[in-house]
Protein backbone atom coordinates (compact mmCIF):
# COMPACT_ATOMS: atom_id res chain seq x y z
CA UNK A 1 130.95 -179.38 -92.15
CA UNK A 2 127.32 -178.58 -92.86
CA UNK A 3 125.93 -175.20 -93.84
CA UNK A 4 124.37 -174.90 -90.38
CA UNK A 5 127.70 -175.58 -88.68
CA UNK A 6 129.40 -173.03 -90.93
CA UNK A 7 126.77 -170.42 -90.11
CA UNK A 8 127.09 -171.11 -86.38
CA UNK A 9 130.86 -170.77 -86.38
CA UNK A 10 131.03 -167.70 -88.63
CA UNK A 11 128.43 -165.53 -86.89
CA UNK A 12 126.47 -162.71 -88.51
CA UNK A 13 126.08 -163.25 -92.25
CA UNK A 14 126.14 -159.49 -92.87
CA UNK A 15 129.82 -159.44 -91.86
CA UNK A 16 130.88 -162.31 -94.12
CA UNK A 17 133.28 -161.92 -97.01
CA UNK A 18 132.36 -162.93 -100.54
CA UNK A 19 134.33 -166.14 -100.04
CA UNK A 20 132.36 -166.90 -96.87
CA UNK A 21 129.06 -166.47 -98.75
CA UNK A 22 130.26 -168.67 -101.60
CA UNK A 23 131.45 -171.34 -99.18
CA UNK A 24 128.11 -171.27 -97.38
CA UNK A 25 126.23 -171.65 -100.68
CA UNK A 26 128.35 -174.68 -101.66
CA UNK A 27 127.81 -176.29 -98.26
CA UNK A 28 124.08 -175.59 -98.42
CA UNK A 29 123.87 -177.13 -101.90
CA UNK A 30 125.78 -180.19 -100.65
CA UNK A 31 123.43 -180.51 -97.69
CA UNK A 32 120.42 -180.42 -100.01
CA UNK A 33 121.98 -182.95 -102.37
CA UNK A 34 123.18 -185.36 -99.68
CA UNK A 35 120.40 -184.90 -97.18
CA UNK A 36 120.99 -185.15 -93.49
CA UNK A 37 123.28 -188.00 -92.43
CA UNK A 38 120.65 -189.42 -90.07
CA UNK A 39 117.93 -189.44 -92.73
CA UNK A 40 120.33 -190.94 -95.27
CA UNK A 41 121.32 -193.69 -92.82
CA UNK A 42 117.68 -194.45 -92.06
CA UNK A 43 116.85 -194.63 -95.77
CA UNK A 44 119.81 -196.95 -96.38
CA UNK A 45 118.80 -199.19 -93.49
CA UNK A 46 115.23 -199.38 -94.80
CA UNK A 47 116.44 -200.33 -98.29
CA UNK A 48 118.64 -203.03 -96.79
CA UNK A 49 115.76 -204.41 -94.71
CA UNK A 50 113.60 -204.54 -97.82
CA UNK A 51 116.30 -206.37 -99.77
CA UNK A 52 116.84 -208.91 -96.99
CA UNK A 53 113.16 -209.48 -96.23
CA UNK A 54 111.93 -212.87 -97.38
CA UNK A 55 109.78 -212.77 -100.49
CA UNK A 56 106.11 -213.03 -99.68
């Protein structure tokens, strides 16, 4: 679950418990560390293409 998904499913942040806020912060930090799955996949594919490209 991403921070955005958590926020969407838990509604108004002003009604969250302390545990909800802490969970959101952890998810947000993970999102920032891991990046978006699509961007990460694109970066991985580009690295693979560069490794497999014939040397010029």
